[in-house]
């Protein structure tokens, strides 16, 4: 009887540990989705502000008075 109890206990412990292993993979996928979302928002902002950023870089380049360097 003790042998049966030990087998059932080992079986239940193994089954209970299994969802924790799956959670680790899901967490990595969730982090990847968050990073992809942030990258997508950043790309949209850069493309939306393209003219403003271009003018900002041109103004900065023109403000630097170096004869040898070009922008």
C-alpha atoms as a PDB file:
ATOM      1  CA  UNK A   1       0.000   0.000   0.000  1.00  0.00           C
ATOM      2  CA  UNK A   2       2.856   2.360   0.786  1.00  0.00           C
ATOM      3  CA  UNK A   3       4.387   1.601  -2.614  1.00  0.00           C
ATOM      4  CA  UNK A   4       1.154   2.651  -4.359  1.00  0.00           C
ATOM      5  CA  UNK A   5       1.015   5.863  -2.315  1.00  0.00           C
ATOM      6  CA  UNK A   6       4.609   6.687  -3.234  1.00  0.00           C
ATOM      7  CA  UNK A   7       3.933   6.123  -6.940  1.00  0.00           C
ATOM      8  CA  UNK A   8       0.826   8.322  -6.867  1.00  0.00           C
ATOM      9  CA  UNK A   9       2.697  11.040  -4.986  1.00  0.00           C
ATOM     10  CA  UNK A  10       5.541  10.999  -7.522  1.00  0.00           C
ATOM     11  CA  UNK A  11       3.040  11.054 -10.408  1.00  0.00           C
ATOM     12  CA  UNK A  12       1.139  14.034  -8.968  1.00  0.00           C
ATOM     13  CA  UNK A  13       4.345  15.925  -8.183  1.00  0.00           C
ATOM     14  CA  UNK A  14       5.566  15.410 -11.752  1.00  0.00           C
ATOM     15  CA  UNK A  15       2.271  16.640 -13.187  1.00  0.00           C
ATOM     16  CA  UNK A  16       2.206  19.682 -10.938  1.00  0.00           C
ATOM     17  CA  UNK A  17       5.738  20.668 -11.961  1.00  0.00           C
ATOM     18  CA  UNK A  18       4.882  20.517 -15.660  1.00  0.00           C
ATOM     19  CA  UNK A  19       2.800  23.749 -15.879  1.00  0.00           C
ATOM     20  CA  UNK A  20       5.664  25.707 -14.322  1.00  0.00           C
ATOM     21  CA  UNK A  21       7.935  24.658 -17.174  1.00  0.00           C
ATOM     22  CA  UNK A  22       5.368  25.823 -19.722  1.00  0.00           C
ATOM     23  CA  UNK A  23       5.031  29.184 -17.933  1.00  0.00           C
ATOM     24  CA  UNK A  24       8.705  29.926 -18.474  1.00  0.00           C
ATOM     25  CA  UNK A  25       8.312  29.588 -22.234  1.00  0.00           C
ATOM     26  CA  UNK A  26       5.184  31.702 -22.220  1.00  0.00           C
ATOM     27  CA  UNK A  27       6.996  34.397 -20.270  1.00  0.00           C
ATOM     28  CA  UNK A  28       9.746  34.546 -22.901  1.00  0.00           C
ATOM     29  CA  UNK A  29       7.119  34.835 -25.627  1.00  0.00           C
ATOM     30  CA  UNK A  30       5.376  37.616 -23.737  1.00  0.00           C
ATOM     31  CA  UNK A  31       8.632  39.552 -23.374  1.00  0.00           C
ATOM     32  CA  UNK A  32       9.304  39.109 -27.091  1.00  0.00           C
ATOM     33  CA  UNK A  33       5.848  40.492 -27.917  1.00  0.00           C
ATOM     34  CA  UNK A  34       6.410  43.492 -25.652  1.00  0.00           C
ATOM     35  CA  UNK A  35       9.767  44.221 -27.306  1.00  0.00           C
ATOM     36  CA  UNK A  36       8.205  43.873 -30.758  1.00  0.00           C
ATOM     37  CA  UNK A  37       5.417  46.269 -29.775  1.00  0.00           C
ATOM     38  CA  UNK A  38       7.848  48.865 -28.462  1.00  0.00           C
ATOM     39  CA  UNK A  39       9.926  48.569 -31.636  1.00  0.00           C
ATOM     40  CA  UNK A  40       6.816  49.012 -33.791  1.00  0.00           C
ATOM     41  CA  UNK A  41       5.728  52.128 -31.871  1.00  0.00           C
ATOM     42  CA  UNK A  42       9.252  53.551 -32.121  1.00  0.00           C
ATOM     43  CA  UNK A  43       9.311  52.957 -35.888  1.00  0.00           C
ATOM     44  CA  UNK A  44       5.938  54.674 -36.336  1.00  0.00           C
ATOM     45  CA  UNK A  45       7.091  57.678 -34.298  1.00  0.00           C
ATOM     46  CA  UNK A  46      10.323  58.003 -36.284  1.00  0.00           C
ATOM     47  CA  UNK A  47       8.491  57.821 -39.612  1.00  0.00           C
ATOM     48  CA  UNK A  48       5.824  60.279 -38.410  1.00  0.00           C
ATOM     49  CA  UNK A  49       8.464  62.768 -37.280  1.00  0.00           C
ATOM     50  CA  UNK A  50      10.779  62.231 -40.250  1.00  0.00           C
ATOM     51  CA  UNK A  51      10.663  65.851 -41.453  1.00  0.00           C
ATOM     52  CA  UNK A  52      11.179  67.250 -37.960  1.00  0.00           C
ATOM     53  CA  UNK A  53      14.131  64.945 -37.296  1.00  0.00           C
ATOM     54  CA  UNK A  54      15.695  65.692 -40.687  1.00  0.00           C
ATOM     55  CA  UNK A  55      15.475  69.433 -40.037  1.00  0.00           C
ATOM     56  CA  UNK A  56      16.890  68.972 -36.537  1.00  0.00           C
ATOM     57  CA  UNK A  57      19.910  67.065 -37.855  1.00  0.00           C
ATOM     58  CA  UNK A  58      20.446  69.574 -40.658  1.00  0.00           C
ATOM     59  CA  UNK A  59      20.315  72.494 -38.217  1.00  0.00           C
ATOM     60  CA  UNK A  60      22.801  70.741 -35.957  1.00  0.00           C
ATOM     61  CA  UNK A  61      25.111  70.023 -38.873  1.00  0.00           C
ATOM     62  CA  UNK A  62      24.947  73.627 -40.046  1.00  0.00           C
ATOM     63  CA  UNK A  63      25.644  74.892 -36.522  1.00  0.00           C
ATOM     64  CA  UNK A  64      28.900  72.953 -36.392  1.00  0.00           C
ATOM     65  CA  UNK A  65      31.478  74.982 -38.271  1.00  0.00           C
ATOM     66  CA  UNK A  66      34.100  72.463 -39.327  1.00  0.00           C
ATOM     67  CA  UNK A  67      35.659  72.845 -42.775  1.00  0.00           C
ATOM     68  CA  UNK A  68      36.892  69.256 -43.150  1.00  0.00           C
ATOM     69  CA  UNK A  69      33.751  67.459 -42.082  1.00  0.00           C
ATOM     70  CA  UNK A  70      30.558  67.098 -44.056  1.00  0.00           C
ATOM     71  CA  UNK A  71      27.159  65.973 -42.807  1.00  0.00           C
END
